[in-house]
Amino acid sequence: MEQKELQRAIEAILFAAGERVEASRLAMALETDETEIMQAADGLADALAFDRRGIRIIRLEKGYQMVSSGEMADYVTKALETRKPPKLSASQLEALTIIAYYQPATKAMVEQIRGVDSAYSISALLNKRLIEEAGRLNVPGRPIQYRTTPDFLRTFGLSSLEELPPIEKVSFGEPPAGDKVPAAEETSAPEEA
């Protein structure tokens, strides 16, 4: 299949899907390899952006999705009478940040780093589909682990988690050998007279 025909097919599939479609699935449907799909999809995305069209194709991890142009957001919102998604509170943003950097992360890990109960924040993030369950940790009590979703990437304008800015992560184990805290010296209490 030639490049233009491949791009037309990708455009039709992404429009009909209304959600992210994995490059591997596009390759299977269009009977070509993933590299060709990615080149065609990236070329189509560039062409739509260059022409300042009302739609865009964005790459989300190893998949693609058709979305409306950010420049047209006001018109789309007015026409469809959609409300902007509620803003994240500071506590929700903190919890989301921890999950994004430490995923899969448990509620206990989020609470340990934040120092406060985070049940409400995690519940709100699940409802907003910014995080999802990612199995259970194999320890007593089997706590639920959480990870970010493609909606998280889309909301923050990221194509993959590698685009998150680097941070200094908190370690949960023993301090490194050079950082060990010396044992407290014994002091004798003054004798009473």
N, C-alpha and C. Protein backbone atom coordinates (compact mmCIF):
# COMPACT_ATOMS: atom_id res chain seq x y z
N MET A 1 0.86 -1.17 0.00
CA MET A 1 0.00 0.00 0.00
C MET A 1 0.91 1.24 0.00
N GLU A 2 0.62 2.19 -0.86
CA GLU A 2 1.44 3.40 -0.93
C GLU A 2 1.13 4.32 0.26
N GLN A 3 2.02 5.25 0.53
CA GLN A 3 1.96 6.13 1.71
C GLN A 3 0.64 6.89 1.82
N LYS A 4 0.18 7.51 0.74
CA LYS A 4 -1.07 8.28 0.78
C LYS A 4 -2.28 7.41 1.10
N GLU A 5 -2.33 6.22 0.50
CA GLU A 5 -3.43 5.29 0.76
C GLU A 5 -3.39 4.82 2.21
N LEU A 6 -2.18 4.56 2.71
CA LEU A 6 -2.00 4.13 4.10
C LEU A 6 -2.48 5.24 5.05
N GLN A 7 -2.13 6.48 4.75
CA GLN A 7 -2.56 7.60 5.58
C GLN A 7 -4.07 7.76 5.56
N ARG A 8 -4.69 7.59 4.42
CA ARG A 8 -6.15 7.69 4.32
C ARG A 8 -6.81 6.61 5.18
N ALA A 9 -6.26 5.40 5.13
CA ALA A 9 -6.82 4.30 5.92
C ALA A 9 -6.65 4.55 7.42
N ILE A 10 -5.47 5.04 7.81
CA ILE A 10 -5.21 5.35 9.23
C ILE A 10 -6.18 6.43 9.70
N GLU A 11 -6.36 7.47 8.88
CA GLU A 11 -7.26 8.57 9.23
C GLU A 11 -8.68 8.05 9.44
N ALA A 12 -9.15 7.19 8.56
CA ALA A 12 -10.50 6.63 8.68
C ALA A 12 -10.65 5.78 9.93
N ILE A 13 -9.65 4.94 10.20
CA ILE A 13 -9.71 4.06 11.38
C ILE A 13 -9.72 4.89 12.66
N LEU A 14 -8.83 5.88 12.76
CA LEU A 14 -8.74 6.69 13.97
C LEU A 14 -10.01 7.52 14.18
N PHE A 15 -10.58 8.02 13.09
CA PHE A 15 -11.83 8.78 13.19
C PHE A 15 -12.94 7.88 13.72
N ALA A 16 -13.07 6.68 13.16
CA ALA A 16 -14.13 5.76 13.56
C ALA A 16 -13.93 5.25 14.98
N ALA A 17 -12.68 5.06 15.38
CA ALA A 17 -12.40 4.49 16.71
C ALA A 17 -12.79 5.47 17.82
N GLY A 18 -12.46 6.73 17.67
CA GLY A 18 -12.77 7.70 18.71
C GLY A 18 -11.91 7.57 19.95
N GLU A 19 -10.94 6.69 19.92
CA GLU A 19 -10.02 6.50 21.04
C GLU A 19 -8.68 6.04 20.50
N ARG A 20 -7.71 5.88 21.37
CA ARG A 20 -6.37 5.47 20.94
C ARG A 20 -6.41 4.09 20.32
N VAL A 21 -5.67 3.92 19.23
CA VAL A 21 -5.53 2.62 18.57
C VAL A 21 -4.03 2.31 18.53
N GLU A 22 -3.67 1.14 19.00
CA GLU A 22 -2.27 0.72 19.03
C GLU A 22 -1.73 0.61 17.60
N ALA A 23 -0.48 0.99 17.43
CA ALA A 23 0.18 0.90 16.12
C ALA A 23 0.20 -0.56 15.64
N SER A 24 0.37 -1.49 16.57
CA SER A 24 0.39 -2.91 16.19
C SER A 24 -0.96 -3.36 15.62
N ARG A 25 -2.04 -2.81 16.18
CA ARG A 25 -3.38 -3.15 15.67
C ARG A 25 -3.60 -2.56 14.29
N LEU A 26 -3.13 -1.33 14.08
CA LEU A 26 -3.22 -0.71 12.75
C LEU A 26 -2.42 -1.52 11.73
N ALA A 27 -1.23 -1.96 12.14
CA ALA A 27 -0.38 -2.74 11.24
C ALA A 27 -1.06 -4.05 10.86
N MET A 28 -1.70 -4.69 11.84
CA MET A 28 -2.39 -5.94 11.57
C MET A 28 -3.56 -5.72 10.60
N ALA A 29 -4.34 -4.67 10.86
CA ALA A 29 -5.52 -4.40 10.03
C ALA A 29 -5.13 -3.99 8.61
N LEU A 30 -4.03 -3.28 8.48
CA LEU A 30 -3.62 -2.77 7.16
C LEU A 30 -2.56 -3.64 6.50
N GLU A 31 -2.29 -4.78 7.14
CA GLU A 31 -1.36 -5.79 6.61
C GLU A 31 -0.02 -5.19 6.19
N THR A 32 0.59 -4.46 7.14
CA THR A 32 1.91 -3.89 6.92
C THR A 32 2.65 -3.91 8.26
N ASP A 33 3.90 -3.48 8.26
CA ASP A 33 4.64 -3.53 9.52
C ASP A 33 4.46 -2.24 10.31
N GLU A 34 4.75 -2.32 11.61
CA GLU A 34 4.54 -1.21 12.52
C GLU A 34 5.35 0.03 12.15
N THR A 35 6.56 -0.18 11.65
CA THR A 35 7.42 0.95 11.27
C THR A 35 6.76 1.79 10.18
N GLU A 36 6.18 1.12 9.19
CA GLU A 36 5.48 1.82 8.11
C GLU A 36 4.27 2.57 8.63
N ILE A 37 3.55 1.94 9.56
CA ILE A 37 2.37 2.58 10.17
C ILE A 37 2.80 3.84 10.91
N MET A 38 3.87 3.74 11.70
CA MET A 38 4.32 4.89 12.48
C MET A 38 4.80 6.03 11.57
N GLN A 39 5.48 5.69 10.49
CA GLN A 39 5.92 6.73 9.55
C GLN A 39 4.72 7.42 8.89
N ALA A 40 3.75 6.62 8.48
CA ALA A 40 2.56 7.18 7.82
C ALA A 40 1.75 8.02 8.80
N ALA A 41 1.54 7.52 10.01
CA ALA A 41 0.75 8.24 11.01
C ALA A 41 1.45 9.54 11.42
N ASP A 42 2.76 9.48 11.62
CA ASP A 42 3.52 10.69 11.98
C ASP A 42 3.47 11.71 10.83
N GLY A 43 3.56 11.23 9.59
CA GLY A 43 3.47 12.12 8.43
C GLY A 43 2.10 12.77 8.34
N LEU A 44 1.05 11.99 8.60
CA LEU A 44 -0.30 12.53 8.60
C LEU A 44 -0.48 13.56 9.71
N ALA A 45 0.03 13.25 10.89
CA ALA A 45 -0.05 14.18 12.02
C ALA A 45 0.65 15.50 11.69
N ASP A 46 1.83 15.41 11.08
CA ASP A 46 2.58 16.61 10.69
C ASP A 46 1.81 17.43 9.66
N ALA A 47 1.21 16.75 8.68
CA ALA A 47 0.45 17.45 7.63
C ALA A 47 -0.75 18.18 8.21
N LEU A 48 -1.48 17.53 9.12
CA LEU A 48 -2.64 18.16 9.75
C LEU A 48 -2.23 19.38 10.57
N ALA A 49 -1.12 19.26 11.30
CA ALA A 49 -0.63 20.39 12.10
C ALA A 49 -0.14 21.51 11.20
N PHE A 50 0.59 21.18 10.14
CA PHE A 50 1.13 22.19 9.22
C PHE A 50 0.01 22.97 8.55
N ASP A 51 -1.05 22.28 8.15
CA ASP A 51 -2.19 22.92 7.50
C ASP A 51 -3.12 23.61 8.49
N ARG A 52 -2.83 23.49 9.79
CA ARG A 52 -3.63 24.07 10.87
C ARG A 52 -5.09 23.63 10.76
N ARG A 53 -5.27 22.34 10.55
CA ARG A 53 -6.61 21.76 10.42
C ARG A 53 -7.30 21.72 11.78
N GLY A 54 -8.57 21.49 11.79
CA GLY A 54 -9.36 21.44 13.02
C GLY A 54 -9.17 20.15 13.79
N ILE A 55 -8.54 19.16 13.16
CA ILE A 55 -8.27 17.90 13.85
C ILE A 55 -6.78 17.66 13.88
N ARG A 56 -6.36 16.86 14.81
CA ARG A 56 -4.96 16.48 14.94
C ARG A 56 -4.90 14.99 15.21
N ILE A 57 -3.76 14.42 14.93
CA ILE A 57 -3.49 13.03 15.31
C ILE A 57 -2.32 13.11 16.28
N ILE A 58 -2.53 12.54 17.45
CA ILE A 58 -1.48 12.55 18.47
C ILE A 58 -1.01 11.13 18.74
N ARG A 59 0.26 11.03 19.09
CA ARG A 59 0.84 9.74 19.47
C ARG A 59 0.76 9.62 20.98
N LEU A 60 0.20 8.52 21.45
CA LEU A 60 0.11 8.22 22.87
C LEU A 60 0.78 6.87 23.09
N GLU A 61 1.96 6.89 23.68
CA GLU A 61 2.78 5.71 23.85
C GLU A 61 2.97 5.04 22.49
N LYS A 62 2.49 3.82 22.30
CA LYS A 62 2.67 3.13 21.01
C LYS A 62 1.38 3.08 20.22
N GLY A 63 0.58 4.13 20.35
CA GLY A 63 -0.67 4.19 19.63
C GLY A 63 -0.95 5.60 19.16
N TYR A 64 -2.06 5.76 18.44
CA TYR A 64 -2.44 7.05 17.87
C TYR A 64 -3.91 7.31 18.14
N GLN A 65 -4.26 8.61 18.25
CA GLN A 65 -5.65 8.99 18.45
C GLN A 65 -5.91 10.28 17.69
N MET A 66 -7.12 10.37 17.13
CA MET A 66 -7.54 11.60 16.47
C MET A 66 -8.24 12.46 17.51
N VAL A 67 -7.87 13.74 17.57
CA VAL A 67 -8.44 14.67 18.53
C VAL A 67 -8.73 16.00 17.83
N SER A 68 -9.50 16.85 18.48
CA SER A 68 -9.72 18.17 17.92
C SER A 68 -8.51 19.05 18.25
N SER A 69 -8.27 20.03 17.42
CA SER A 69 -7.16 20.96 17.62
C SER A 69 -7.39 21.78 18.87
N GLY A 70 -6.35 22.01 19.63
CA GLY A 70 -6.45 22.84 20.82
C GLY A 70 -6.90 24.25 20.50
N GLU A 71 -6.55 24.73 19.31
CA GLU A 71 -6.95 26.07 18.88
C GLU A 71 -8.46 26.19 18.73
N MET A 72 -9.13 25.08 18.52
CA MET A 72 -10.57 25.08 18.29
C MET A 72 -11.37 24.73 19.54
N ALA A 73 -10.71 24.60 20.68
CA ALA A 73 -11.36 24.14 21.91
C ALA A 73 -12.56 25.00 22.29
N ASP A 74 -12.44 26.32 22.18
CA ASP A 74 -13.56 27.19 22.57
C ASP A 74 -14.79 26.93 21.70
N TYR A 75 -14.57 26.76 20.40
CA TYR A 75 -15.69 26.51 19.48
C TYR A 75 -16.34 25.15 19.76
N VAL A 76 -15.48 24.14 19.97
CA VAL A 76 -15.99 22.79 20.25
C VAL A 76 -16.80 22.80 21.54
N THR A 77 -16.26 23.46 22.56
CA THR A 77 -16.95 23.53 23.85
C THR A 77 -18.30 24.23 23.71
N LYS A 78 -18.30 25.36 22.99
CA LYS A 78 -19.55 26.11 22.79
C LYS A 78 -20.57 25.28 22.03
N ALA A 79 -20.13 24.63 20.97
CA ALA A 79 -21.05 23.87 20.12
C ALA A 79 -21.60 22.63 20.82
N LEU A 80 -20.77 21.98 21.58
CA LEU A 80 -21.21 20.74 22.23
C LEU A 80 -21.65 20.94 23.67
N GLU A 81 -21.56 22.20 24.12
CA GLU A 81 -21.95 22.55 25.48
C GLU A 81 -21.30 21.63 26.51
N THR A 82 -20.04 21.33 26.28
CA THR A 82 -19.33 20.50 27.26
C THR A 82 -18.68 21.39 28.29
N ARG A 83 -18.57 20.85 29.47
CA ARG A 83 -17.91 21.58 30.54
C ARG A 83 -16.45 21.19 30.58
N LYS A 84 -15.63 22.09 31.03
CA LYS A 84 -14.22 21.77 31.20
C LYS A 84 -14.13 20.76 32.34
N PRO A 85 -13.17 19.84 32.25
CA PRO A 85 -13.04 18.89 33.34
C PRO A 85 -12.67 19.63 34.62
N PRO A 86 -13.17 19.16 35.76
CA PRO A 86 -12.86 19.84 37.01
C PRO A 86 -11.35 19.86 37.25
N LYS A 87 -10.90 20.94 37.83
CA LYS A 87 -9.48 21.04 38.12
C LYS A 87 -9.11 20.08 39.24
N LEU A 88 -7.84 19.72 39.26
CA LEU A 88 -7.35 18.84 40.31
C LEU A 88 -6.99 19.67 41.53
N SER A 89 -7.39 19.18 42.70
CA SER A 89 -6.99 19.85 43.94
C SER A 89 -5.50 19.59 44.16
N ALA A 90 -4.91 20.32 45.07
CA ALA A 90 -3.49 20.14 45.38
C ALA A 90 -3.22 18.72 45.85
N SER A 91 -4.11 18.18 46.68
CA SER A 91 -3.90 16.82 47.19
C SER A 91 -4.02 15.78 46.08
N GLN A 92 -4.95 15.99 45.14
CA GLN A 92 -5.10 15.07 44.01
C GLN A 92 -3.88 15.15 43.09
N LEU A 93 -3.39 16.35 42.87
CA LEU A 93 -2.21 16.53 42.03
C LEU A 93 -0.98 15.88 42.66
N GLU A 94 -0.84 16.00 43.98
CA GLU A 94 0.27 15.35 44.68
C GLU A 94 0.19 13.84 44.53
N ALA A 95 -0.99 13.28 44.77
CA ALA A 95 -1.18 11.83 44.66
C ALA A 95 -0.91 11.36 43.23
N LEU A 96 -1.40 12.11 42.25
CA LEU A 96 -1.20 11.76 40.85
C LEU A 96 0.28 11.79 40.49
N THR A 97 0.99 12.78 40.98
CA THR A 97 2.43 12.89 40.72
C THR A 97 3.17 11.69 41.27
N ILE A 98 2.84 11.30 42.48
CA ILE A 98 3.50 10.14 43.10
C ILE A 98 3.22 8.88 42.29
N ILE A 99 1.98 8.68 41.90
CA ILE A 99 1.64 7.49 41.12
C ILE A 99 2.34 7.51 39.77
N ALA A 100 2.40 8.68 39.13
CA ALA A 100 3.05 8.78 37.82
C ALA A 100 4.53 8.42 37.89
N TYR A 101 5.22 8.85 38.93
CA TYR A 101 6.65 8.61 39.02
C TYR A 101 7.01 7.26 39.63
N TYR A 102 6.17 6.72 40.50
CA TYR A 102 6.50 5.48 41.19
C TYR A 102 5.68 4.29 40.72
N GLN A 103 4.90 4.44 39.67
CA GLN A 103 3.97 3.38 39.28
C GLN A 103 4.67 2.06 38.97
N PRO A 104 3.99 0.98 39.28
CA PRO A 104 2.73 0.92 39.99
C PRO A 104 2.94 1.26 41.47
N ALA A 105 2.05 2.06 42.02
CA ALA A 105 2.16 2.52 43.41
C ALA A 105 0.90 2.15 44.18
N THR A 106 1.08 1.87 45.45
CA THR A 106 -0.06 1.55 46.31
C THR A 106 -0.51 2.81 47.04
N LYS A 107 -1.70 2.75 47.61
CA LYS A 107 -2.22 3.86 48.41
C LYS A 107 -1.29 4.12 49.59
N ALA A 108 -0.77 3.05 50.18
CA ALA A 108 0.14 3.20 51.33
C ALA A 108 1.41 3.96 50.93
N MET A 109 1.92 3.69 49.73
CA MET A 109 3.12 4.40 49.25
C MET A 109 2.81 5.89 49.08
N VAL A 110 1.66 6.19 48.49
CA VAL A 110 1.26 7.58 48.30
C VAL A 110 1.14 8.27 49.66
N GLU A 111 0.51 7.59 50.61
CA GLU A 111 0.32 8.16 51.94
C GLU A 111 1.65 8.32 52.67
N GLN A 112 2.57 7.39 52.47
CA GLN A 112 3.87 7.48 53.13
C GLN A 112 4.64 8.70 52.62
N ILE A 113 4.59 8.95 51.33
CA ILE A 113 5.30 10.11 50.77
C ILE A 113 4.59 11.41 51.13
N ARG A 114 3.27 11.43 51.04
CA ARG A 114 2.52 12.66 51.33
C ARG A 114 2.41 12.92 52.82
N GLY A 115 2.38 11.86 53.62
CA GLY A 115 2.27 12.01 55.07
C GLY A 115 0.85 12.20 55.57
N VAL A 116 -0.14 12.01 54.69
CA VAL A 116 -1.56 12.14 55.08
C VAL A 116 -2.39 11.09 54.37
N ASP A 117 -3.61 10.88 54.86
CA ASP A 117 -4.53 9.94 54.23
C ASP A 117 -4.83 10.39 52.80
N SER A 118 -4.79 9.46 51.87
CA SER A 118 -4.98 9.82 50.46
C SER A 118 -6.12 9.04 49.80
N ALA A 119 -6.98 8.43 50.58
CA ALA A 119 -8.07 7.62 50.03
C ALA A 119 -8.97 8.45 49.13
N TYR A 120 -9.34 9.66 49.55
CA TYR A 120 -10.23 10.49 48.74
C TYR A 120 -9.56 10.89 47.43
N SER A 121 -8.30 11.28 47.48
CA SER A 121 -7.59 11.71 46.27
C SER A 121 -7.50 10.58 45.26
N ILE A 122 -7.17 9.38 45.74
CA ILE A 122 -7.06 8.24 44.84
C ILE A 122 -8.42 7.90 44.24
N SER A 123 -9.46 7.96 45.04
CA SER A 123 -10.81 7.69 44.55
C SER A 123 -11.19 8.72 43.48
N ALA A 124 -10.87 9.99 43.72
CA ALA A 124 -11.20 11.05 42.74
C ALA A 124 -10.42 10.84 41.45
N LEU A 125 -9.16 10.44 41.54
CA LEU A 125 -8.34 10.21 40.35
C LEU A 125 -8.86 9.02 39.55
N LEU A 126 -9.35 7.99 40.24
CA LEU A 126 -9.96 6.85 39.56
C LEU A 126 -11.22 7.29 38.81
N ASN A 127 -12.06 8.11 39.47
CA ASN A 127 -13.29 8.60 38.84
C ASN A 127 -13.02 9.48 37.63
N LYS A 128 -11.92 10.22 37.67
CA LYS A 128 -11.54 11.08 36.54
C LYS A 128 -10.77 10.32 35.47
N ARG A 129 -10.57 9.03 35.71
CA ARG A 129 -9.87 8.13 34.78
C ARG A 129 -8.44 8.55 34.48
N LEU A 130 -7.80 9.18 35.45
CA LEU A 130 -6.39 9.55 35.29
C LEU A 130 -5.48 8.43 35.79
N ILE A 131 -6.02 7.57 36.67
CA ILE A 131 -5.30 6.38 37.13
C ILE A 131 -6.23 5.18 37.03
N GLU A 132 -5.63 3.98 37.08
CA GLU A 132 -6.40 2.75 37.05
C GLU A 132 -5.71 1.71 37.91
N GLU A 133 -6.45 0.67 38.27
CA GLU A 133 -5.85 -0.42 39.03
C GLU A 133 -4.87 -1.18 38.15
N ALA A 134 -3.76 -1.60 38.76
CA ALA A 134 -2.72 -2.31 38.01
C ALA A 134 -2.36 -3.60 38.72
N GLY A 135 -3.35 -4.28 39.28
CA GLY A 135 -3.08 -5.53 39.97
C GLY A 135 -2.91 -5.31 41.47
N ARG A 136 -2.47 -6.37 42.12
CA ARG A 136 -2.28 -6.31 43.57
C ARG A 136 -0.84 -6.67 43.91
N LEU A 137 -0.33 -6.05 44.95
CA LEU A 137 1.02 -6.32 45.42
C LEU A 137 1.03 -7.65 46.16
N ASN A 138 2.03 -8.45 45.94
CA ASN A 138 2.09 -9.78 46.53
C ASN A 138 2.71 -9.73 47.93
N VAL A 139 2.01 -9.08 48.85
CA VAL A 139 2.38 -8.99 50.26
C VAL A 139 1.12 -9.20 51.08
N PRO A 140 1.25 -9.45 52.38
CA PRO A 140 0.04 -9.62 53.19
C PRO A 140 -0.92 -8.45 53.02
N GLY A 141 -2.19 -8.76 52.87
CA GLY A 141 -3.22 -7.76 52.65
C GLY A 141 -3.45 -7.48 51.17
N ARG A 142 -2.50 -7.85 50.31
CA ARG A 142 -2.58 -7.70 48.87
C ARG A 142 -3.15 -6.33 48.45
N PRO A 143 -2.44 -5.23 48.78
CA PRO A 143 -2.95 -3.91 48.42
C PRO A 143 -3.00 -3.69 46.91
N ILE A 144 -3.95 -2.88 46.49
CA ILE A 144 -4.12 -2.55 45.08
C ILE A 144 -3.00 -1.62 44.64
N GLN A 145 -2.47 -1.88 43.45
CA GLN A 145 -1.47 -1.00 42.85
C GLN A 145 -2.16 -0.15 41.79
N TYR A 146 -1.68 1.07 41.61
CA TYR A 146 -2.27 1.99 40.65
C TYR A 146 -1.21 2.45 39.65
N ARG A 147 -1.68 2.77 38.43
CA ARG A 147 -0.81 3.33 37.39
C ARG A 147 -1.62 4.39 36.63
N THR A 148 -0.91 5.20 35.88
CA THR A 148 -1.59 6.24 35.09
C THR A 148 -2.23 5.61 33.85
N THR A 149 -3.15 6.34 33.25
CA THR A 149 -3.89 5.86 32.08
C THR A 149 -3.53 6.70 30.85
N PRO A 150 -3.96 6.27 29.67
CA PRO A 150 -3.79 7.12 28.49
C PRO A 150 -4.47 8.49 28.65
N ASP A 151 -5.56 8.55 29.43
CA ASP A 151 -6.21 9.84 29.69
C ASP A 151 -5.26 10.78 30.43
N PHE A 152 -4.43 10.24 31.31
CA PHE A 152 -3.42 11.04 32.01
C PHE A 152 -2.47 11.66 30.99
N LEU A 153 -1.97 10.84 30.07
CA LEU A 153 -1.05 11.34 29.05
C LEU A 153 -1.71 12.43 28.21
N ARG A 154 -2.94 12.18 27.79
CA ARG A 154 -3.69 13.13 26.95
C ARG A 154 -3.93 14.44 27.72
N THR A 155 -4.34 14.33 28.97
CA THR A 155 -4.64 15.51 29.78
C THR A 155 -3.42 16.41 29.96
N PHE A 156 -2.26 15.79 30.12
CA PHE A 156 -1.05 16.56 30.36
C PHE A 156 -0.20 16.76 29.10
N GLY A 157 -0.75 16.37 27.93
CA GLY A 157 -0.07 16.62 26.67
C GLY A 157 1.22 15.84 26.50
N LEU A 158 1.26 14.62 27.02
CA LEU A 158 2.45 13.77 26.92
C LEU A 158 2.18 12.64 25.95
N SER A 159 3.22 12.20 25.23
CA SER A 159 3.04 11.03 24.38
C SER A 159 3.50 9.77 25.09
N SER A 160 4.34 9.91 26.12
CA SER A 160 4.75 8.76 26.93
C SER A 160 5.25 9.26 28.27
N LEU A 161 5.40 8.34 29.22
CA LEU A 161 5.86 8.70 30.56
C LEU A 161 7.31 9.18 30.56
N GLU A 162 8.08 8.82 29.51
CA GLU A 162 9.47 9.26 29.43
C GLU A 162 9.56 10.78 29.33
N GLU A 163 8.49 11.44 28.95
CA GLU A 163 8.49 12.90 28.82
C GLU A 163 8.31 13.61 30.16
N LEU A 164 8.03 12.86 31.24
CA LEU A 164 7.92 13.49 32.55
C LEU A 164 9.27 14.08 32.93
N PRO A 165 9.29 15.27 33.52
CA PRO A 165 10.58 15.84 33.92
C PRO A 165 11.22 14.99 35.02
N PRO A 166 12.56 14.90 35.04
CA PRO A 166 13.21 14.07 36.06
C PRO A 166 13.04 14.68 37.46
N ILE A 167 12.94 13.79 38.43
CA ILE A 167 12.85 14.23 39.83
C ILE A 167 13.79 13.36 40.66
N GLU A 168 14.07 13.81 41.85
CA GLU A 168 14.84 12.99 42.79
C GLU A 168 13.83 12.17 43.57
N LYS A 169 13.87 10.86 43.37
CA LYS A 169 12.88 9.99 43.98
C LYS A 169 13.25 9.66 45.43
N VAL A 170 12.23 9.45 46.23
CA VAL A 170 12.38 9.05 47.62
C VAL A 170 12.68 7.56 47.63
N SER A 171 13.67 7.14 48.43
CA SER A 171 13.95 5.70 48.52
C SER A 171 13.19 5.13 49.71
N PHE A 172 12.77 3.88 49.57
CA PHE A 172 11.98 3.26 50.62
C PHE A 172 12.74 2.20 51.39
N GLY A 173 14.01 1.98 51.06
CA GLY A 173 14.79 0.95 51.74
C GLY A 173 15.75 1.54 52.74
N GLU A 174 16.82 0.80 53.01
CA GLU A 174 17.89 1.27 53.89
C GLU A 174 18.58 2.46 53.26
N PRO A 175 19.08 3.41 54.08
CA PRO A 175 19.84 4.50 53.48
C PRO A 175 21.14 3.95 52.90
N PRO A 176 21.69 4.60 51.86
CA PRO A 176 22.96 4.13 51.30
C PRO A 176 24.03 4.07 52.37
N ALA A 177 25.04 3.21 52.16
CA ALA A 177 26.07 2.95 53.17
C ALA A 177 26.70 4.23 53.71
N GLY A 178 26.99 5.21 52.88
CA GLY A 178 27.62 6.45 53.33
C GLY A 178 26.68 7.35 54.10
N ASP A 179 25.37 7.09 54.03
CA ASP A 179 24.39 7.97 54.68
C ASP A 179 23.85 7.41 55.99
N LYS A 180 24.44 6.33 56.50
CA LYS A 180 23.90 5.74 57.73
C LYS A 180 24.02 6.70 58.88
N VAL A 181 22.99 6.76 59.66
CA VAL A 181 22.96 7.64 60.81
C VAL A 181 23.67 6.95 61.95
N PRO A 182 24.68 7.59 62.58
CA PRO A 182 25.38 6.94 63.68
C PRO A 182 24.44 6.73 64.86
N ALA A 183 24.71 5.69 65.62
CA ALA A 183 23.89 5.38 66.78
C ALA A 183 24.05 6.51 67.78
N ALA A 184 22.96 6.83 68.48
CA ALA A 184 22.99 7.91 69.46
C ALA A 184 23.93 7.54 70.61
N GLU A 185 24.72 8.53 71.04
CA GLU A 185 25.63 8.27 72.16
C GLU A 185 24.83 8.30 73.45
N GLU A 186 25.26 7.45 74.38
CA GLU A 186 24.57 7.42 75.65
C GLU A 186 25.02 8.61 76.47
N THR A 187 24.09 9.26 77.10
CA THR A 187 24.43 10.35 78.01
C THR A 187 23.94 9.97 79.39
N SER A 188 24.73 10.32 80.34
CA SER A 188 24.30 9.97 81.70
C SER A 188 23.56 11.15 82.28
N ALA A 189 22.49 10.85 82.94
CA ALA A 189 21.70 11.90 83.56
C ALA A 189 22.46 12.42 84.77
N PRO A 190 22.41 13.72 84.99
CA PRO A 190 23.12 14.25 86.16
C PRO A 190 22.49 13.68 87.44
N GLU A 191 23.36 13.37 88.38
CA GLU A 191 22.86 12.81 89.65
C GLU A 191 22.25 13.90 90.46
N GLU A 192 21.16 13.55 91.10
CA GLU A 192 20.49 14.54 91.95
C GLU A 192 21.23 14.65 93.24
N ALA A 193 21.29 15.83 93.83
CA ALA A 193 21.99 16.03 95.10
C ALA A 193 21.07 15.92 96.25
